[in-house]
PDB file of N, CA and C in Angstrom:
ATOM      1  N   UNK A   1       9.432  -1.991 -11.711  1.00  0.00           N
ATOM      2  CA  UNK A   1       8.176  -1.424 -12.146  1.00  0.00           C
ATOM      3  C   UNK A   1       8.384   0.059 -12.423  1.00  0.00           C
ATOM      4  N   UNK A   2       7.774   0.551 -13.495  1.00  0.00           N
ATOM      5  CA  UNK A   2       7.994   1.944 -13.859  1.00  0.00           C
ATOM      6  C   UNK A   2       7.404   2.884 -12.825  1.00  0.00           C
ATOM      7  N   UNK A   3       8.011   4.032 -12.663  1.00  0.00           N
ATOM      8  CA  UNK A   3       7.591   5.000 -11.671  1.00  0.00           C
ATOM      9  C   UNK A   3       6.541   5.927 -12.266  1.00  0.00           C
ATOM     10  N   UNK A   4       5.283   5.661 -11.970  1.00  0.00           N
ATOM     11  CA  UNK A   4       4.191   6.484 -12.471  1.00  0.00           C
ATOM     12  C   UNK A   4       4.031   7.722 -11.598  1.00  0.00           C
ATOM     13  N   UNK A   5       3.722   8.846 -12.227  1.00  0.00           N
ATOM     14  CA  UNK A   5       3.486  10.079 -11.483  1.00  0.00           C
ATOM     15  C   UNK A   5       2.244   9.966 -10.611  1.00  0.00           C
ATOM     16  N   UNK A   6       1.291   9.137 -11.048  1.00  0.00           N
ATOM     17  CA  UNK A   6       0.036   9.036 -10.316  1.00  0.00           C
ATOM     18  C   UNK A   6       0.040   7.919  -9.279  1.00  0.00           C
ATOM     19  N   UNK A   7       1.190   7.275  -9.048  1.00  0.00           N
ATOM     20  CA  UNK A   7       1.270   6.185  -8.078  1.00  0.00           C
ATOM     21  C   UNK A   7       1.351   6.731  -6.658  1.00  0.00           C
ATOM     22  N   UNK A   8       0.475   6.223  -5.783  1.00  0.00           N
ATOM     23  CA  UNK A   8       0.390   6.680  -4.405  1.00  0.00           C
ATOM     24  C   UNK A   8       1.028   5.675  -3.461  1.00  0.00           C
ATOM     25  N   UNK A   9       0.835   4.379  -3.734  1.00  0.00           N
ATOM     26  CA  UNK A   9       1.330   3.313  -2.860  1.00  0.00           C
ATOM     27  C   UNK A   9       1.503   2.055  -3.689  1.00  0.00           C
ATOM     28  N   UNK A  10       2.521   1.263  -3.366  1.00  0.00           N
ATOM     29  CA  UNK A  10       2.733   0.014  -4.081  1.00  0.00           C
ATOM     30  C   UNK A  10       3.206  -1.063  -3.122  1.00  0.00           C
ATOM     31  N   UNK A  11       2.660  -2.255  -3.286  1.00  0.00           N
ATOM     32  CA  UNK A  11       3.043  -3.407  -2.463  1.00  0.00           C
ATOM     33  C   UNK A  11       3.261  -4.589  -3.398  1.00  0.00           C
ATOM     34  N   UNK A  12       4.445  -5.192  -3.339  1.00  0.00           N
ATOM     35  CA  UNK A  12       4.749  -6.381  -4.141  1.00  0.00           C
ATOM     36  C   UNK A  12       4.737  -7.596  -3.223  1.00  0.00           C
ATOM     37  N   UNK A  13       4.091  -8.666  -3.696  1.00  0.00           N
ATOM     38  CA  UNK A  13       4.038  -9.919  -2.947  1.00  0.00           C
ATOM     39  C   UNK A  13       4.604 -11.008  -3.847  1.00  0.00           C
ATOM     40  N   UNK A  14       5.737 -11.569  -3.440  1.00  0.00           N
ATOM     41  CA  UNK A  14       6.366 -12.630  -4.229  1.00  0.00           C
ATOM     42  C   UNK A  14       5.848 -13.976  -3.759  1.00  0.00           C
ATOM     43  N   UNK A  15       5.461 -14.795  -4.728  1.00  0.00           N
ATOM     44  CA  UNK A  15       4.900 -16.111  -4.426  1.00  0.00           C
ATOM     45  C   UNK A  15       5.379 -17.097  -5.492  1.00  0.00           C
ATOM     46  N   UNK A  16       6.498 -17.763  -5.232  1.00  0.00           N
ATOM     47  CA  UNK A  16       7.045 -18.703  -6.201  1.00  0.00           C
ATOM     48  C   UNK A  16       7.472 -17.995  -7.472  1.00  0.00           C
ATOM     49  N   UNK A  17       6.970 -18.477  -8.619  1.00  0.00           N
ATOM     50  CA  UNK A  17       7.310 -17.874  -9.912  1.00  0.00           C
ATOM     51  C   UNK A  17       6.468 -16.641 -10.213  1.00  0.00           C
ATOM     52  N   UNK A  18       5.540 -16.326  -9.334  1.00  0.00           N
ATOM     53  CA  UNK A  18       4.653 -15.185  -9.565  1.00  0.00           C
ATOM     54  C   UNK A  18       4.958 -14.062  -8.579  1.00  0.00           C
ATOM     55  N   UNK A  19       4.698 -12.853  -9.039  1.00  0.00           N
ATOM     56  CA  UNK A  19       4.729 -11.685  -8.165  1.00  0.00           C
ATOM     57  C   UNK A  19       3.421 -10.954  -8.380  1.00  0.00           C
ATOM     58  N   UNK A  20       2.798 -10.567  -7.277  1.00  0.00           N
ATOM     59  CA  UNK A  20       1.555  -9.806  -7.336  1.00  0.00           C
ATOM     60  C   UNK A  20       1.858  -8.387  -6.890  1.00  0.00           C
ATOM     61  N   UNK A  21       1.402  -7.429  -7.679  1.00  0.00           N
ATOM     62  CA  UNK A  21       1.584  -6.024  -7.362  1.00  0.00           C
ATOM     63  C   UNK A  21       0.230  -5.410  -7.039  1.00  0.00           C
ATOM     64  N   UNK A  22       0.146  -4.734  -5.904  1.00  0.00           N
ATOM     65  CA  UNK A  22      -1.032  -3.994  -5.501  1.00  0.00           C
ATOM     66  C   UNK A  22      -0.637  -2.518  -5.564  1.00  0.00           C
ATOM     67  N   UNK A  23      -1.113  -1.819  -6.567  1.00  0.00           N
ATOM     68  CA  UNK A  23      -0.722  -0.424  -6.774  1.00  0.00           C
ATOM     69  C   UNK A  23      -1.922   0.495  -6.629  1.00  0.00           C
ATOM     70  N   UNK A  24      -1.818   1.436  -5.691  1.00  0.00           N
ATOM     71  CA  UNK A  24      -2.837   2.463  -5.513  1.00  0.00           C
ATOM     72  C   UNK A  24      -2.393   3.663  -6.331  1.00  0.00           C
ATOM     73  N   UNK A  25      -3.299   4.127  -7.173  1.00  0.00           N
ATOM     74  CA  UNK A  25      -2.989   5.264  -8.038  1.00  0.00           C
ATOM     75  C   UNK A  25      -4.084   6.304  -7.919  1.00  0.00           C
ATOM     76  N   UNK A  26      -3.805   7.497  -8.408  1.00  0.00           N
ATOM     77  CA  UNK A  26      -4.777   8.589  -8.371  1.00  0.00           C
ATOM     78  C   UNK A  26      -5.026   9.089  -9.785  1.00  0.00           C
ATOM     79  N   UNK A  27      -6.293   9.374 -10.062  1.00  0.00           N
ATOM     80  CA  UNK A  27      -6.648   9.956 -11.354  1.00  0.00           C
ATOM     81  C   UNK A  27      -6.286  11.440 -11.341  1.00  0.00           C
ATOM     82  N   UNK A  28      -6.429  12.087 -12.479  1.00  0.00           N
ATOM     83  CA  UNK A  28      -6.172  13.527 -12.542  1.00  0.00           C
ATOM     84  C   UNK A  28      -7.109  14.296 -11.626  1.00  0.00           C
ATOM     85  N   UNK A  29      -8.293  13.722 -11.372  1.00  0.00           N
ATOM     86  CA  UNK A  29      -9.269  14.344 -10.477  1.00  0.00           C
ATOM     87  C   UNK A  29      -9.082  13.939  -9.024  1.00  0.00           C
ATOM     88  N   UNK A  30      -7.938  13.344  -8.690  1.00  0.00           N
ATOM     89  CA  UNK A  30      -7.595  12.901  -7.334  1.00  0.00           C
ATOM     90  C   UNK A  30      -8.516  11.824  -6.777  1.00  0.00           C
ATOM     91  N   UNK A  31      -9.011  10.932  -7.630  1.00  0.00           N
ATOM     92  CA  UNK A  31      -9.792   9.769  -7.201  1.00  0.00           C
ATOM     93  C   UNK A  31      -8.830   8.582  -7.153  1.00  0.00           C
ATOM     94  N   UNK A  32      -8.876   7.836  -6.065  1.00  0.00           N
ATOM     95  CA  UNK A  32      -7.990   6.687  -5.930  1.00  0.00           C
ATOM     96  C   UNK A  32      -8.581   5.454  -6.596  1.00  0.00           C
ATOM     97  N   UNK A  33      -7.703   4.639  -7.182  1.00  0.00           N
ATOM     98  CA  UNK A  33      -8.101   3.352  -7.727  1.00  0.00           C
ATOM     99  C   UNK A  33      -6.954   2.373  -7.508  1.00  0.00           C
ATOM    100  N   UNK A  34      -7.252   1.091  -7.700  1.00  0.00           N
ATOM    101  CA  UNK A  34      -6.294   0.031  -7.432  1.00  0.00           C
ATOM    102  C   UNK A  34      -6.028  -0.757  -8.702  1.00  0.00           C
ATOM    103  N   UNK A  35      -4.767  -1.055  -8.958  1.00  0.00           N
ATOM    104  CA  UNK A  35      -4.448  -2.006 -10.021  1.00  0.00           C
ATOM    105  C   UNK A  35      -3.826  -3.222  -9.365  1.00  0.00           C
ATOM    106  N   UNK A  36      -4.307  -4.394  -9.760  1.00  0.00           N
ATOM    107  CA  UNK A  36      -3.760  -5.668  -9.307  1.00  0.00           C
ATOM    108  C   UNK A  36      -3.056  -6.277 -10.510  1.00  0.00           C
ATOM    109  N   UNK A  37      -1.783  -6.580 -10.366  1.00  0.00           N
ATOM    110  CA  UNK A  37      -1.019  -7.140 -11.474  1.00  0.00           C
ATOM    111  C   UNK A  37      -0.383  -8.443 -11.044  1.00  0.00           C
ATOM    112  N   UNK A  38      -0.587  -9.473 -11.860  1.00  0.00           N
ATOM    113  CA  UNK A  38       0.105 -10.742 -11.666  1.00  0.00           C
ATOM    114  C   UNK A  38       1.206 -10.788 -12.712  1.00  0.00           C
ATOM    115  N   UNK A  39       2.425 -10.990 -12.275  1.00  0.00           N
ATOM    116  CA  UNK A  39       3.564 -11.102 -13.181  1.00  0.00           C
ATOM    117  C   UNK A  39       4.158 -12.490 -12.984  1.00  0.00           C
ATOM    118  N   UNK A  40       4.230 -13.248 -14.074  1.00  0.00           N
ATOM    119  CA  UNK A  40       4.739 -14.622 -14.001  1.00  0.00           C
ATOM    120  C   UNK A  40       5.936 -14.761 -14.924  1.00  0.00           C
ATOM    121  N   UNK A  41       7.020 -15.241 -14.357  1.00  0.00           N
ATOM    122  CA  UNK A  41       8.250 -15.445 -15.120  1.00  0.00           C
ATOM    123  C   UNK A  41       8.126 -16.742 -15.914  1.00  0.00           C
ATOM    124  N   UNK A  42       8.484 -16.678 -17.185  1.00  0.00           N
ATOM    125  CA  UNK A  42       8.482 -17.890 -18.005  1.00  0.00           C
ATOM    126  C   UNK A  42       9.710 -17.882 -18.898  1.00  0.00           C
ATOM    127  N   UNK A  43      10.069 -19.067 -19.350  1.00  0.00           N
ATOM    128  CA  UNK A  43      11.222 -19.209 -20.239  1.00  0.00           C
ATOM    129  C   UNK A  43      10.748 -19.839 -21.535  1.00  0.00           C
ATOM    130  N   UNK A  44      10.979 -19.136 -22.642  1.00  0.00           N
ATOM    131  CA  UNK A  44      10.607 -19.627 -23.963  1.00  0.00           C
ATOM    132  C   UNK A  44      11.860 -19.607 -24.828  1.00  0.00           C
ATOM    133  N   UNK A  45      12.217 -20.769 -25.372  1.00  0.00           N
ATOM    134  CA  UNK A  45      13.421 -20.899 -26.199  1.00  0.00           C
ATOM    135  C   UNK A  45      14.667 -20.368 -25.492  1.00  0.00           C
ATOM    136  N   UNK A  46      14.759 -20.619 -24.179  1.00  0.00           N
ATOM    137  CA  UNK A  46      15.923 -20.205 -23.415  1.00  0.00           C
ATOM    138  C   UNK A  46      15.936 -18.743 -23.016  1.00  0.00           C
ATOM    139  N   UNK A  47      14.916 -18.003 -23.403  1.00  0.00           N
ATOM    140  CA  UNK A  47      14.843 -16.576 -23.054  1.00  0.00           C
ATOM    141  C   UNK A  47      13.787 -16.363 -21.974  1.00  0.00           C
ATOM    142  N   UNK A  48      14.165 -15.603 -20.962  1.00  0.00           N
ATOM    143  CA  UNK A  48      13.222 -15.291 -19.899  1.00  0.00           C
ATOM    144  C   UNK A  48      12.315 -14.146 -20.320  1.00  0.00           C
ATOM    145  N   UNK A  49      11.044 -14.286 -19.961  1.00  0.00           N
ATOM    146  CA  UNK A  49      10.094 -13.204 -20.207  1.00  0.00           C
ATOM    147  C   UNK A  49       9.086 -13.202 -19.068  1.00  0.00           C
ATOM    148  N   UNK A  50       8.281 -12.188 -19.020  1.00  0.00           N
ATOM    149  CA  UNK A  50       7.276 -12.056 -17.978  1.00  0.00           C
ATOM    150  C   UNK A  50       5.909 -11.884 -18.620  1.00  0.00           C
ATOM    151  N   UNK A  51       4.964 -12.691 -18.175  1.00  0.00           N
ATOM    152  CA  UNK A  51       3.576 -12.531 -18.599  1.00  0.00           C
ATOM    153  C   UNK A  51       2.893 -11.706 -17.523  1.00  0.00           C
ATOM    154  N   UNK A  52       2.161 -10.690 -17.937  1.00  0.00           N
ATOM    155  CA  UNK A  52       1.487  -9.823 -16.962  1.00  0.00           C
ATOM    156  C   UNK A  52      -0.007  -9.790 -17.246  1.00  0.00           C
ATOM    157  N   UNK A  53      -0.765  -9.862 -16.171  1.00  0.00           N
ATOM    158  CA  UNK A  53      -2.215  -9.739 -16.240  1.00  0.00           C
ATOM    159  C   UNK A  53      -2.603  -8.660 -15.244  1.00  0.00           C
ATOM    160  N   UNK A  54      -3.421  -7.710 -15.685  1.00  0.00           N
ATOM    161  CA  UNK A  54      -3.737  -6.568 -14.847  1.00  0.00           C
ATOM    162  C   UNK A  54      -5.250  -6.400 -14.718  1.00  0.00           C
ATOM    163  N   UNK A  55      -5.668  -6.047 -13.501  1.00  0.00           N
ATOM    164  CA  UNK A  55      -7.066  -5.731 -13.210  1.00  0.00           C
ATOM    165  C   UNK A  55      -7.103  -4.325 -12.634  1.00  0.00           C
ATOM    166  N   UNK A  56      -8.016  -3.510 -13.123  1.00  0.00           N
ATOM    167  CA  UNK A  56      -8.231  -2.179 -12.577  1.00  0.00           C
ATOM    168  C   UNK A  56      -9.478  -2.230 -11.710  1.00  0.00           C
ATOM    169  N   UNK A  57      -9.374  -1.725 -10.494  1.00  0.00           N
ATOM    170  CA  UNK A  57     -10.495  -1.733  -9.563  1.00  0.00           C
ATOM    171  C   UNK A  57     -10.755  -0.296  -9.118  1.00  0.00           C
ATOM    172  N   UNK A  58     -11.954   0.189  -9.408  1.00  0.00           N
ATOM    173  CA  UNK A  58     -12.310   1.572  -9.112  1.00  0.00           C
ATOM    174  C   UNK A  58     -13.109   1.673  -7.829  1.00  0.00           C
ATOM    175  N   UNK A  59     -13.097   2.861  -7.219  1.00  0.00           N
ATOM    176  CA  UNK A  59     -13.636   3.045  -5.873  1.00  0.00           C
ATOM    177  C   UNK A  59     -15.075   2.575  -5.721  1.00  0.00           C
ATOM    178  N   UNK A  60     -15.881   2.696  -6.759  1.00  0.00           N
ATOM    179  CA  UNK A  60     -17.279   2.273  -6.640  1.00  0.00           C
ATOM    180  C   UNK A  60     -17.411   0.750  -6.526  1.00  0.00           C
ATOM    181  N   UNK A  61     -16.325   0.031  -6.814  1.00  0.00           N
ATOM    182  CA  UNK A  61     -16.350  -1.433  -6.744  1.00  0.00           C
ATOM    183  C   UNK A  61     -15.573  -1.997  -5.553  1.00  0.00           C
ATOM    184  N   UNK A  62     -14.902  -1.137  -4.782  1.00  0.00           N
ATOM    185  CA  UNK A  62     -14.059  -1.618  -3.688  1.00  0.00           C
ATOM    186  C   UNK A  62     -14.812  -2.527  -2.723  1.00  0.00           C
ATOM    187  N   UNK A  63     -15.963  -2.091  -2.229  1.00  0.00           N
ATOM    188  CA  UNK A  63     -16.679  -2.845  -1.203  1.00  0.00           C
ATOM    189  C   UNK A  63     -17.180  -4.182  -1.734  1.00  0.00           C
ATOM    190  N   UNK A  64     -17.744  -4.203  -2.939  1.00  0.00           N
ATOM    191  CA  UNK A  64     -18.214  -5.465  -3.526  1.00  0.00           C
ATOM    192  C   UNK A  64     -17.046  -6.425  -3.749  1.00  0.00           C
ATOM    193  N   UNK A  65     -15.911  -5.905  -4.201  1.00  0.00           N
ATOM    194  CA  UNK A  65     -14.730  -6.730  -4.411  1.00  0.00           C
ATOM    195  C   UNK A  65     -14.257  -7.315  -3.086  1.00  0.00           C
ATOM    196  N   UNK A  66     -14.190  -6.465  -2.056  1.00  0.00           N
ATOM    197  CA  UNK A  66     -13.757  -6.907  -0.733  1.00  0.00           C
ATOM    198  C   UNK A  66     -14.681  -7.999  -0.203  1.00  0.00           C
ATOM    199  N   UNK A  67     -15.999  -7.789  -0.328  1.00  0.00           N
ATOM    200  CA  UNK A  67     -16.972  -8.778   0.141  1.00  0.00           C
ATOM    201  C   UNK A  67     -16.792 -10.114  -0.587  1.00  0.00           C
ATOM    202  N   UNK A  68     -16.637 -10.049  -1.909  1.00  0.00           N
ATOM    203  CA  UNK A  68     -16.458 -11.263  -2.690  1.00  0.00           C
ATOM    204  C   UNK A  68     -15.177 -11.993  -2.332  1.00  0.00           C
ATOM    205  N   UNK A  69     -14.093 -11.246  -2.158  1.00  0.00           N
ATOM    206  CA  UNK A  69     -12.811 -11.844  -1.804  1.00  0.00           C
ATOM    207  C   UNK A  69     -12.873 -12.470  -0.413  1.00  0.00           C
ATOM    208  N   UNK A  70     -13.411 -11.737   0.570  1.00  0.00           N
ATOM    209  CA  UNK A  70     -13.498 -12.261   1.932  1.00  0.00           C
ATOM    210  C   UNK A  70     -14.373 -13.511   1.979  1.00  0.00           C
ATOM    211  N   UNK A  71     -15.509 -13.485   1.293  1.00  0.00           N
ATOM    212  CA  UNK A  71     -16.403 -14.641   1.274  1.00  0.00           C
ATOM    213  C   UNK A  71     -15.707 -15.853   0.650  1.00  0.00           C
ATOM    214  N   UNK A  72     -14.982 -15.624  -0.417  1.00  0.00           N
ATOM    215  CA  UNK A  72     -14.278 -16.708  -1.097  1.00  0.00           C
ATOM    216  C   UNK A  72     -13.164 -17.281  -0.226  1.00  0.00           C
ATOM    217  N   UNK A  73     -12.387 -16.427   0.433  1.00  0.00           N
ATOM    218  CA  UNK A  73     -11.309 -16.901   1.308  1.00  0.00           C
ATOM    219  C   UNK A  73     -11.869 -17.665   2.505  1.00  0.00           C
ATOM    220  N   UNK A  74     -12.997 -17.204   3.053  1.00  0.00           N
ATOM    221  CA  UNK A  74     -13.650 -17.925   4.146  1.00  0.00           C
ATOM    222  C   UNK A  74     -14.103 -19.305   3.672  1.00  0.00           C
ATOM    223  N   UNK A  75     -14.628 -19.387   2.452  1.00  0.00           N
ATOM    224  CA  UNK A  75     -15.066 -20.668   1.894  1.00  0.00           C
ATOM    225  C   UNK A  75     -13.881 -21.614   1.715  1.00  0.00           C
ATOM    226  N   UNK A  76     -12.757 -21.091   1.270  1.00  0.00           N
ATOM    227  CA  UNK A  76     -11.553 -21.911   1.115  1.00  0.00           C
ATOM    228  C   UNK A  76     -11.137 -22.483   2.475  1.00  0.00           C
ATOM    229  N   UNK A  77     -11.135 -21.643   3.515  1.00  0.00           N
ATOM    230  CA  UNK A  77     -10.790 -22.123   4.856  1.00  0.00           C
ATOM    231  C   UNK A  77     -11.755 -23.216   5.295  1.00  0.00           C
ATOM    232  N   UNK A  78     -13.041 -23.001   5.067  1.00  0.00           N
ATOM    233  CA  UNK A  78     -14.072 -23.982   5.432  1.00  0.00           C
ATOM    234  C   UNK A  78     -13.848 -25.307   4.701  1.00  0.00           C
ATOM    235  N   UNK A  79     -13.582 -25.235   3.409  1.00  0.00           N
ATOM    236  CA  UNK A  79     -13.345 -26.445   2.620  1.00  0.00           C
ATOM    237  C   UNK A  79     -12.070 -27.160   3.052  1.00  0.00           C
ATOM    238  N   UNK A  80     -11.028 -26.389   3.372  1.00  0.00           N
ATOM    239  CA  UNK A  80      -9.780 -26.991   3.839  1.00  0.00           C
ATOM    240  C   UNK A  80      -9.990 -27.724   5.161  1.00  0.00           C
ATOM    241  N   UNK A  81     -10.790 -27.146   6.043  1.00  0.00           N
ATOM    242  CA  UNK A  81     -11.046 -27.773   7.338  1.00  0.00           C
ATOM    243  C   UNK A  81     -11.908 -29.019   7.206  1.00  0.00           C
ATOM    244  N   UNK A  82     -12.896 -28.989   6.314  1.00  0.00           N
ATOM    245  CA  UNK A  82     -13.807 -30.124   6.180  1.00  0.00           C
ATOM    246  C   UNK A  82     -13.228 -31.227   5.308  1.00  0.00           C
ATOM    247  N   UNK A  83     -12.282 -30.868   4.430  1.00  0.00           N
ATOM    248  CA  UNK A  83     -11.722 -31.856   3.511  1.00  0.00           C
ATOM    249  C   UNK A  83     -12.674 -32.214   2.383  1.00  0.00           C
ATOM    250  N   UNK A  84     -13.764 -31.484   2.246  1.00  0.00           N
ATOM    251  CA  UNK A  84     -14.789 -31.756   1.230  1.00  0.00           C
ATOM    252  C   UNK A  84     -14.498 -30.905  -0.004  1.00  0.00           C
ATOM    253  N   UNK A  85     -13.873 -31.525  -1.024  1.00  0.00           N
ATOM    254  CA  UNK A  85     -13.455 -30.783  -2.201  1.00  0.00           C
ATOM    255  C   UNK A  85     -14.234 -31.141  -3.454  1.00  0.00           C
ATOM    256  N   UNK A  86     -15.409 -31.708  -3.328  1.00  0.00           N
ATOM    257  CA  UNK A  86     -16.156 -32.085  -4.528  1.00  0.00           C
ATOM    258  C   UNK A  86     -16.570 -30.831  -5.295  1.00  0.00           C
ATOM    259  N   UNK A  87     -16.665 -30.979  -6.583  1.00  0.00           N
ATOM    260  CA  UNK A  87     -17.012 -29.858  -7.454  1.00  0.00           C
ATOM    261  C   UNK A  87     -18.501 -29.563  -7.307  1.00  0.00           C
ATOM    262  N   UNK A  88     -18.821 -28.279  -7.135  1.00  0.00           N
ATOM    263  CA  UNK A  88     -20.216 -27.854  -7.019  1.00  0.00           C
ATOM    264  C   UNK A  88     -20.561 -26.969  -8.201  1.00  0.00           C
ATOM    265  N   UNK A  89     -21.824 -26.835  -8.469  1.00  0.00           N
ATOM    266  CA  UNK A  89     -22.272 -25.958  -9.551  1.00  0.00           C
ATOM    267  C   UNK A  89     -21.865 -24.520  -9.243  1.00  0.00           C
ATOM    268  N   UNK A  90     -21.382 -23.844 -10.253  1.00  0.00           N
ATOM    269  CA  UNK A  90     -20.986 -22.450 -10.097  1.00  0.00           C
ATOM    270  C   UNK A  90     -22.220 -21.586  -9.930  1.00  0.00           C
ATOM    271  N   UNK A  91     -22.155 -20.697  -8.931  1.00  0.00           N
ATOM    272  CA  UNK A  91     -23.261 -19.752  -8.757  1.00  0.00           C
ATOM    273  C   UNK A  91     -23.192 -18.751  -9.893  1.00  0.00           C
ATOM    274  N   UNK A  92     -24.339 -18.454 -10.464  1.00  0.00           N
ATOM    275  CA  UNK A  92     -24.331 -17.467 -11.542  1.00  0.00           C
ATOM    276  C   UNK A  92     -25.286 -16.345 -11.192  1.00  0.00           C
ATOM    277  N   UNK A  93     -25.005 -15.227 -11.735  1.00  0.00           N
ATOM    278  CA  UNK A  93     -25.839 -14.053 -11.552  1.00  0.00           C
ATOM    279  C   UNK A  93     -26.453 -13.747 -12.908  1.00  0.00           C
ATOM    280  N   UNK A  94     -27.764 -13.849 -13.001  1.00  0.00           N
ATOM    281  CA  UNK A  94     -28.463 -13.676 -14.276  1.00  0.00           C
ATOM    282  C   UNK A  94     -28.162 -12.324 -14.924  1.00  0.00           C
ATOM    283  N   UNK A  95     -27.795 -11.334 -14.131  1.00  0.00           N
ATOM    284  CA  UNK A  95     -27.494 -10.011 -14.698  1.00  0.00           C
ATOM    285  C   UNK A  95     -26.333 -10.069 -15.678  1.00  0.00           C
ATOM    286  N   UNK A  96     -25.442 -11.055 -15.537  1.00  0.00           N
ATOM    287  CA  UNK A  96     -24.251 -11.122 -16.366  1.00  0.00           C
ATOM    288  C   UNK A  96     -24.397 -12.064 -17.549  1.00  0.00           C
ATOM    289  N   UNK A  97     -25.525 -12.727 -17.674  1.00  0.00           N
ATOM    290  CA  UNK A  97     -25.719 -13.663 -18.765  1.00  0.00           C
ATOM    291  C   UNK A  97     -26.132 -12.979 -20.054  1.00  0.00           C
ATOM    292  N   UNK A  98     -26.596 -11.758 -19.995  1.00  0.00           N
ATOM    293  CA  UNK A  98     -27.051 -11.077 -21.200  1.00  0.00           C
ATOM    294  C   UNK A  98     -26.373  -9.706 -21.319  1.00  0.00           C
ATOM    295  N   UNK A  99     -25.062  -9.708 -21.252  1.00  0.00           N
ATOM    296  CA  UNK A  99     -24.312  -8.464 -21.356  1.00  0.00           C
ATOM    297  C   UNK A  99     -24.271  -8.032 -22.820  1.00  0.00           C
ATOM    298  N   UNK A 100     -24.616  -6.770 -23.058  1.00  0.00           N
ATOM    299  CA  UNK A 100     -24.521  -6.176 -24.378  1.00  0.00           C
ATOM    300  C   UNK A 100     -23.289  -5.282 -24.368  1.00  0.00           C
ATOM    301  N   UNK A 101     -22.249  -5.681 -25.067  1.00  0.00           N
ATOM    302  CA  UNK A 101     -21.002  -4.947 -25.011  1.00  0.00           C
ATOM    303  C   UNK A 101     -21.102  -3.553 -25.625  1.00  0.00           C
ATOM    304  N   UNK A 102     -22.133  -3.295 -26.414  1.00  0.00           N
ATOM    305  CA  UNK A 102     -22.344  -1.942 -26.925  1.00  0.00           C
ATOM    306  C   UNK A 102     -22.729  -0.983 -25.804  1.00  0.00           C
ATOM    307  N   UNK A 103     -23.321  -1.534 -24.716  1.00  0.00           N
ATOM    308  CA  UNK A 103     -23.726  -0.715 -23.588  1.00  0.00           C
ATOM    309  C   UNK A 103     -22.545  -0.326 -22.708  1.00  0.00           C
ATOM    310  N   UNK A 104     -21.444  -1.024 -22.866  1.00  0.00           N
ATOM    311  CA  UNK A 104     -20.272  -0.725 -22.035  1.00  0.00           C
ATOM    312  C   UNK A 104     -19.563   0.438 -22.625  1.00  0.00           C
TER     313      UNK A 104
END
């Protein structure tokens, strides 16, 4: 991984063909943010390549992200213990159904 001047901390987690990178970085104004990167090794026509997907998480979203992740992991544990894997309706938040991308 390239050595960024604004990188404060980095943690790589290898999981099979995927590697997850948790990188804490600082803005020019010394605000911390997190990048989550999934890197997956693939072979196309005999050549190895890596597909990367990146998410940027800013400080104003840390707590909501943490809450969502913890709630989801707890639900996975609950489902694993109960053995009840039937598909349920996805919860939706009406605020996200009418996003105007011009407002972003």
